[in-house]
Amino acid sequence: MRAFENYLAERAVKSVKGDDHRGLMPYEKLDPRAPDLWGKAENASIAAEMTADEILATDLGKFLDANIGATNT
């Protein structure tokens, strides 16, 4: 099972944390001790930087769009 942070786009991670950080692989665990990752408390700030296209490109975005019409707002 993926955690929320596995859906965060690398572009958004770099926008918030800087170019020395990276997004997670699909099932990689977040380790805040890793120098190129971040703390769980920063997930909301990173998610706020994501575009609708980045969200809809994920399987979670596709699920939300199909089930609640995420693009119909």
PDB file of N, CA and C in Angstrom:
ATOM      1  N   MET A   1       0.840  -1.183   0.000  1.00  0.00           N
ATOM      2  CA  MET A   1       0.000   0.000   0.000  1.00  0.00           C
ATOM      3  C   MET A   1       0.887   1.248   0.000  1.00  0.00           C
ATOM      4  N   ARG A   2       0.512   2.213  -0.798  1.00  0.00           N
ATOM      5  CA  ARG A   2       1.252   3.472  -0.850  1.00  0.00           C
ATOM      6  C   ARG A   2       0.789   4.416   0.245  1.00  0.00           C
ATOM      7  N   ALA A   3       1.711   5.221   0.700  1.00  0.00           N
ATOM      8  CA  ALA A   3       1.395   6.281   1.644  1.00  0.00           C
ATOM      9  C   ALA A   3       1.158   7.564   0.860  1.00  0.00           C
ATOM     10  N   PHE A   4       0.568   8.541   1.497  1.00  0.00           N
ATOM     11  CA  PHE A   4       0.263   9.805   0.839  1.00  0.00           C
ATOM     12  C   PHE A   4       1.486  10.414   0.164  1.00  0.00           C
ATOM     13  N   GLU A   5       2.626  10.361   0.852  1.00  0.00           N
ATOM     14  CA  GLU A   5       3.822  11.001   0.310  1.00  0.00           C
ATOM     15  C   GLU A   5       4.346  10.346  -0.962  1.00  0.00           C
ATOM     16  N   ASN A   6       3.910   9.124  -1.246  1.00  0.00           N
ATOM     17  CA  ASN A   6       4.318   8.463  -2.487  1.00  0.00           C
ATOM     18  C   ASN A   6       3.647   9.088  -3.713  1.00  0.00           C
ATOM     19  N   TYR A   7       2.620   9.861  -3.516  1.00  0.00           N
ATOM     20  CA  TYR A   7       1.908  10.515  -4.619  1.00  0.00           C
ATOM     21  C   TYR A   7       2.409  11.926  -4.898  1.00  0.00           C
ATOM     22  N   LEU A   8       3.309  12.431  -4.087  1.00  0.00           N
ATOM     23  CA  LEU A   8       3.788  13.795  -4.253  1.00  0.00           C
ATOM     24  C   LEU A   8       4.756  13.878  -5.425  1.00  0.00           C
ATOM     25  N   ALA A   9       4.504  14.815  -6.309  1.00  0.00           N
ATOM     26  CA  ALA A   9       5.321  14.973  -7.515  1.00  0.00           C
ATOM     27  C   ALA A   9       6.716  15.488  -7.163  1.00  0.00           C
ATOM     28  N   GLU A  10       7.698  14.950  -7.844  1.00  0.00           N
ATOM     29  CA  GLU A  10       9.073  15.377  -7.608  1.00  0.00           C
ATOM     30  C   GLU A  10       9.240  16.878  -7.839  1.00  0.00           C
ATOM     31  N   ARG A  11       8.565  17.414  -8.842  1.00  0.00           N
ATOM     32  CA  ARG A  11       8.651  18.847  -9.103  1.00  0.00           C
ATOM     33  C   ARG A  11       8.186  19.648  -7.890  1.00  0.00           C
ATOM     34  N   ALA A  12       7.091  19.206  -7.268  1.00  0.00           N
ATOM     35  CA  ALA A  12       6.565  19.896  -6.090  1.00  0.00           C
ATOM     36  C   ALA A  12       7.510  19.748  -4.900  1.00  0.00           C
ATOM     37  N   VAL A  13       8.104  18.574  -4.738  1.00  0.00           N
ATOM     38  CA  VAL A  13       9.079  18.364  -3.664  1.00  0.00           C
ATOM     39  C   VAL A  13      10.238  19.336  -3.833  1.00  0.00           C
ATOM     40  N   LYS A  14      10.765  19.422  -5.046  1.00  0.00           N
ATOM     41  CA  LYS A  14      11.894  20.312  -5.310  1.00  0.00           C
ATOM     42  C   LYS A  14      11.502  21.783  -5.150  1.00  0.00           C
ATOM     43  N   SER A  15      10.268  22.115  -5.480  1.00  0.00           N
ATOM     44  CA  SER A  15       9.794  23.485  -5.341  1.00  0.00           C
ATOM     45  C   SER A  15       9.794  23.927  -3.878  1.00  0.00           C
ATOM     46  N   VAL A  16       9.403  23.019  -2.992  1.00  0.00           N
ATOM     47  CA  VAL A  16       9.325  23.340  -1.565  1.00  0.00           C
ATOM     48  C   VAL A  16      10.665  23.133  -0.865  1.00  0.00           C
ATOM     49  N   LYS A  17      11.343  22.030  -1.163  1.00  0.00           N
ATOM     50  CA  LYS A  17      12.538  21.632  -0.414  1.00  0.00           C
ATOM     51  C   LYS A  17      13.849  21.990  -1.091  1.00  0.00           C
ATOM     52  N   GLY A  18      13.842  22.234  -2.392  1.00  0.00           N
ATOM     53  CA  GLY A  18      15.072  22.554  -3.109  1.00  0.00           C
ATOM     54  C   GLY A  18      15.515  21.410  -4.009  1.00  0.00           C
ATOM     55  N   ASP A  19      16.434  21.734  -4.906  1.00  0.00           N
ATOM     56  CA  ASP A  19      16.876  20.769  -5.917  1.00  0.00           C
ATOM     57  C   ASP A  19      17.650  19.587  -5.357  1.00  0.00           C
ATOM     58  N   ASP A  20      18.084  19.657  -4.114  1.00  0.00           N
ATOM     59  CA  ASP A  20      18.817  18.543  -3.526  1.00  0.00           C
ATOM     60  C   ASP A  20      17.881  17.490  -2.929  1.00  0.00           C
ATOM     61  N   HIS A  21      16.574  17.683  -3.087  1.00  0.00           N
ATOM     62  CA  HIS A  21      15.588  16.719  -2.614  1.00  0.00           C
ATOM     63  C   HIS A  21      14.931  16.032  -3.809  1.00  0.00           C
ATOM     64  N   ARG A  22      14.231  14.923  -3.561  1.00  0.00           N
ATOM     65  CA  ARG A  22      13.619  14.136  -4.628  1.00  0.00           C
ATOM     66  C   ARG A  22      12.289  13.571  -4.157  1.00  0.00           C
ATOM     67  N   GLY A  23      11.462  13.202  -5.124  1.00  0.00           N
ATOM     68  CA  GLY A  23      10.226  12.511  -4.815  1.00  0.00           C
ATOM     69  C   GLY A  23      10.503  11.049  -4.497  1.00  0.00           C
ATOM     70  N   LEU A  24       9.536  10.408  -3.866  1.00  0.00           N
ATOM     71  CA  LEU A  24       9.676   8.992  -3.523  1.00  0.00           C
ATOM     72  C   LEU A  24       9.302   8.102  -4.702  1.00  0.00           C
ATOM     73  N   MET A  25       9.867   6.921  -4.717  1.00  0.00           N
ATOM     74  CA  MET A  25       9.445   5.884  -5.658  1.00  0.00           C
ATOM     75  C   MET A  25       8.073   5.387  -5.182  1.00  0.00           C
ATOM     76  N   PRO A  26       7.309   4.673  -6.028  1.00  0.00           N
ATOM     77  CA  PRO A  26       5.937   4.314  -5.675  1.00  0.00           C
ATOM     78  C   PRO A  26       5.725   3.660  -4.302  1.00  0.00           C
ATOM     79  N   TYR A  27       6.588   2.777  -3.848  1.00  0.00           N
ATOM     80  CA  TYR A  27       6.371   2.111  -2.559  1.00  0.00           C
ATOM     81  C   TYR A  27       7.505   2.371  -1.574  1.00  0.00           C
ATOM     82  N   GLU A  28       8.321   3.376  -1.862  1.00  0.00           N
ATOM     83  CA  GLU A  28       9.430   3.718  -0.977  1.00  0.00           C
ATOM     84  C   GLU A  28       8.894   4.357   0.305  1.00  0.00           C
ATOM     85  N   LYS A  29       9.521   4.016   1.422  1.00  0.00           N
ATOM     86  CA  LYS A  29       9.125   4.606   2.699  1.00  0.00           C
ATOM     87  C   LYS A  29       9.846   5.930   2.906  1.00  0.00           C
ATOM     88  N   LEU A  30       9.131   6.875   3.489  1.00  0.00           N
ATOM     89  CA  LEU A  30       9.700   8.178   3.796  1.00  0.00           C
ATOM     90  C   LEU A  30      10.598   8.049   5.019  1.00  0.00           C
ATOM     91  N   ASP A  31      11.849   8.415   4.874  1.00  0.00           N
ATOM     92  CA  ASP A  31      12.803   8.401   5.973  1.00  0.00           C
ATOM     93  C   ASP A  31      13.315   9.821   6.155  1.00  0.00           C
ATOM     94  N   PRO A  32      12.798  10.542   7.153  1.00  0.00           N
ATOM     95  CA  PRO A  32      13.193  11.939   7.324  1.00  0.00           C
ATOM     96  C   PRO A  32      14.676  12.112   7.659  1.00  0.00           C
ATOM     97  N   ARG A  33      15.356  11.014   8.002  1.00  0.00           N
ATOM     98  CA  ARG A  33      16.800  11.096   8.275  1.00  0.00           C
ATOM     99  C   ARG A  33      17.609  11.125   6.981  1.00  0.00           C
ATOM    100  N   ALA A  34      16.979  10.710   5.865  1.00  0.00           N
ATOM    101  CA  ALA A  34      17.687  10.727   4.578  1.00  0.00           C
ATOM    102  C   ALA A  34      17.870  12.179   4.140  1.00  0.00           C
ATOM    103  N   PRO A  35      19.053  12.549   3.725  1.00  0.00           N
ATOM    104  CA  PRO A  35      19.316  13.954   3.393  1.00  0.00           C
ATOM    105  C   PRO A  35      18.551  14.480   2.187  1.00  0.00           C
ATOM    106  N   ASP A  36      18.036  13.590   1.332  1.00  0.00           N
ATOM    107  CA  ASP A  36      17.319  14.054   0.138  1.00  0.00           C
ATOM    108  C   ASP A  36      15.805  13.898   0.260  1.00  0.00           C
ATOM    109  N   LEU A  37      15.312  13.593   1.471  1.00  0.00           N
ATOM    110  CA  LEU A  37      13.863  13.454   1.685  1.00  0.00           C
ATOM    111  C   LEU A  37      13.379  14.560   2.625  1.00  0.00           C
ATOM    112  N   TRP A  38      12.254  14.404   3.258  1.00  0.00           N
ATOM    113  CA  TRP A  38      11.639  15.450   4.068  1.00  0.00           C
ATOM    114  C   TRP A  38      10.878  14.807   5.220  1.00  0.00           C
ATOM    115  N   GLY A  39      10.373  15.628   6.121  1.00  0.00           N
ATOM    116  CA  GLY A  39       9.568  15.150   7.244  1.00  0.00           C
ATOM    117  C   GLY A  39       8.102  15.070   6.860  1.00  0.00           C
ATOM    118  N   LYS A  40       7.381  14.134   7.469  1.00  0.00           N
ATOM    119  CA  LYS A  40       5.966  13.915   7.164  1.00  0.00           C
ATOM    120  C   LYS A  40       5.147  15.200   7.351  1.00  0.00           C
ATOM    121  N   ALA A  41       5.527  16.028   8.279  1.00  0.00           N
ATOM    122  CA  ALA A  41       4.798  17.280   8.539  1.00  0.00           C
ATOM    123  C   ALA A  41       4.856  18.237   7.349  1.00  0.00           C
ATOM    124  N   GLU A  42       5.771  18.006   6.415  1.00  0.00           N
ATOM    125  CA  GLU A  42       5.902  18.875   5.242  1.00  0.00           C
ATOM    126  C   GLU A  42       5.053  18.414   4.061  1.00  0.00           C
ATOM    127  N   ASN A  43       4.362  17.278   4.194  1.00  0.00           N
ATOM    128  CA  ASN A  43       3.553  16.745   3.093  1.00  0.00           C
ATOM    129  C   ASN A  43       2.518  17.746   2.585  1.00  0.00           C
ATOM    130  N   ALA A  44       1.849  18.436   3.497  1.00  0.00           N
ATOM    131  CA  ALA A  44       0.786  19.362   3.085  1.00  0.00           C
ATOM    132  C   ALA A  44       1.351  20.516   2.253  1.00  0.00           C
ATOM    133  N   SER A  45       2.493  21.041   2.645  1.00  0.00           N
ATOM    134  CA  SER A  45       3.118  22.130   1.886  1.00  0.00           C
ATOM    135  C   SER A  45       3.512  21.668   0.491  1.00  0.00           C
ATOM    136  N   ILE A  46       4.020  20.448   0.411  1.00  0.00           N
ATOM    137  CA  ILE A  46       4.418  19.907  -0.894  1.00  0.00           C
ATOM    138  C   ILE A  46       3.178  19.644  -1.749  1.00  0.00           C
ATOM    139  N   ALA A  47       2.147  19.057  -1.157  1.00  0.00           N
ATOM    140  CA  ALA A  47       0.910  18.770  -1.894  1.00  0.00           C
ATOM    141  C   ALA A  47       0.280  20.055  -2.426  1.00  0.00           C
ATOM    142  N   ALA A  48       0.366  21.137  -1.670  1.00  0.00           N
ATOM    143  CA  ALA A  48      -0.207  22.419  -2.094  1.00  0.00           C
ATOM    144  C   ALA A  48       0.483  22.964  -3.344  1.00  0.00           C
ATOM    145  N   GLU A  49       1.700  22.528  -3.606  1.00  0.00           N
ATOM    146  CA  GLU A  49       2.447  22.959  -4.787  1.00  0.00           C
ATOM    147  C   GLU A  49       2.103  22.159  -6.038  1.00  0.00           C
ATOM    148  N   MET A  50       1.388  21.051  -5.883  1.00  0.00           N
ATOM    149  CA  MET A  50       1.077  20.194  -7.034  1.00  0.00           C
ATOM    150  C   MET A  50      -0.006  20.814  -7.905  1.00  0.00           C
ATOM    151  N   THR A  51       0.112  20.591  -9.196  1.00  0.00           N
ATOM    152  CA  THR A  51      -0.902  21.049 -10.136  1.00  0.00           C
ATOM    153  C   THR A  51      -1.990  19.985 -10.265  1.00  0.00           C
ATOM    154  N   ALA A  52      -3.138  20.369 -10.793  1.00  0.00           N
ATOM    155  CA  ALA A  52      -4.213  19.402 -11.028  1.00  0.00           C
ATOM    156  C   ALA A  52      -3.743  18.302 -11.979  1.00  0.00           C
ATOM    157  N   ASP A  53      -2.989  18.656 -12.992  1.00  0.00           N
ATOM    158  CA  ASP A  53      -2.475  17.649 -13.933  1.00  0.00           C
ATOM    159  C   ASP A  53      -1.567  16.641 -13.243  1.00  0.00           C
ATOM    160  N   GLU A  54      -0.727  17.109 -12.322  1.00  0.00           N
ATOM    161  CA  GLU A  54       0.148  16.191 -11.588  1.00  0.00           C
ATOM    162  C   GLU A  54      -0.667  15.227 -10.727  1.00  0.00           C
ATOM    163  N   ILE A  55      -1.696  15.741 -10.097  1.00  0.00           N
ATOM    164  CA  ILE A  55      -2.552  14.887  -9.255  1.00  0.00           C
ATOM    165  C   ILE A  55      -3.309  13.890 -10.120  1.00  0.00           C
ATOM    166  N   LEU A  56      -3.905  14.373 -11.211  1.00  0.00           N
ATOM    167  CA  LEU A  56      -4.699  13.490 -12.072  1.00  0.00           C
ATOM    168  C   LEU A  56      -3.855  12.454 -12.803  1.00  0.00           C
ATOM    169  N   ALA A  57      -2.558  12.654 -12.890  1.00  0.00           N
ATOM    170  CA  ALA A  57      -1.678  11.676 -13.533  1.00  0.00           C
ATOM    171  C   ALA A  57      -1.407  10.470 -12.640  1.00  0.00           C
ATOM    172  N   THR A  58      -1.738  10.559 -11.361  1.00  0.00           N
ATOM    173  CA  THR A  58      -1.531   9.437 -10.445  1.00  0.00           C
ATOM    174  C   THR A  58      -2.755   8.532 -10.431  1.00  0.00           C
ATOM    175  N   ASP A  59      -2.579   7.303  -9.949  1.00  0.00           N
ATOM    176  CA  ASP A  59      -3.738   6.419  -9.840  1.00  0.00           C
ATOM    177  C   ASP A  59      -4.736   6.950  -8.818  1.00  0.00           C
ATOM    178  N   LEU A  60      -4.286   7.650  -7.805  1.00  0.00           N
ATOM    179  CA  LEU A  60      -5.193   8.269  -6.840  1.00  0.00           C
ATOM    180  C   LEU A  60      -6.013   9.369  -7.511  1.00  0.00           C
ATOM    181  N   GLY A  61      -5.377  10.187  -8.327  1.00  0.00           N
ATOM    182  CA  GLY A  61      -6.082  11.233  -9.055  1.00  0.00           C
ATOM    183  C   GLY A  61      -7.118  10.663 -10.008  1.00  0.00           C
ATOM    184  N   LYS A  62      -6.760   9.585 -10.694  1.00  0.00           N
ATOM    185  CA  LYS A  62      -7.704   8.933 -11.611  1.00  0.00           C
ATOM    186  C   LYS A  62      -8.903   8.383 -10.851  1.00  0.00           C
ATOM    187  N   PHE A  63      -8.645   7.798  -9.671  1.00  0.00           N
ATOM    188  CA  PHE A  63      -9.734   7.287  -8.835  1.00  0.00           C
ATOM    189  C   PHE A  63     -10.662   8.422  -8.403  1.00  0.00           C
ATOM    190  N   LEU A  64     -10.074   9.512  -7.918  1.00  0.00           N
ATOM    191  CA  LEU A  64     -10.891  10.645  -7.479  1.00  0.00           C
ATOM    192  C   LEU A  64     -11.703  11.228  -8.623  1.00  0.00           C
ATOM    193  N   ASP A  65     -11.087  11.362  -9.786  1.00  0.00           N
ATOM    194  CA  ASP A  65     -11.783  11.912 -10.939  1.00  0.00           C
ATOM    195  C   ASP A  65     -12.945  11.016 -11.355  1.00  0.00           C
ATOM    196  N   ALA A  66     -12.722   9.720 -11.360  1.00  0.00           N
ATOM    197  CA  ALA A  66     -13.761   8.772 -11.784  1.00  0.00           C
ATOM    198  C   ALA A  66     -14.897   8.666 -10.771  1.00  0.00           C
ATOM    199  N   ASN A  67     -14.591   8.853  -9.492  1.00  0.00           N
ATOM    200  CA  ASN A  67     -15.599   8.614  -8.465  1.00  0.00           C
ATOM    201  C   ASN A  67     -16.251   9.870  -7.882  1.00  0.00           C
ATOM    202  N   ILE A  68     -15.587  10.997  -7.978  1.00  0.00           N
ATOM    203  CA  ILE A  68     -16.209  12.219  -7.464  1.00  0.00           C
ATOM    204  C   ILE A  68     -16.130  13.366  -8.448  1.00  0.00           C
ATOM    205  N   GLY A  69     -15.647  13.088  -9.646  1.00  0.00           N
ATOM    206  CA  GLY A  69     -15.592  14.118 -10.676  1.00  0.00           C
ATOM    207  C   GLY A  69     -14.682  15.268 -10.329  1.00  0.00           C
ATOM    208  N   ALA A  70     -13.446  14.945  -9.967  1.00  0.00           N
ATOM    209  CA  ALA A  70     -12.486  15.959  -9.528  1.00  0.00           C
ATOM    210  C   ALA A  70     -12.289  17.057 -10.550  1.00  0.00           C
ATOM    211  N   THR A  71     -12.464  16.778 -11.830  1.00  0.00           N
ATOM    212  CA  THR A  71     -12.242  17.814 -12.846  1.00  0.00           C
ATOM    213  C   THR A  71     -13.517  18.588 -13.158  1.00  0.00           C
ATOM    214  N   ASN A  72     -14.590  18.269 -12.502  1.00  0.00           N
ATOM    215  CA  ASN A  72     -15.865  18.939 -12.763  1.00  0.00           C
ATOM    216  C   ASN A  72     -16.122  20.081 -11.798  1.00  0.00           C
ATOM    217  N   THR A  73     -15.071  20.740 -11.323  1.00  0.00           N
ATOM    218  CA  THR A  73     -15.267  21.844 -10.376  1.00  0.00           C
ATOM    219  C   THR A  73     -15.136  23.167 -11.079  1.00  0.00           C
TER     220      THR A  73
END
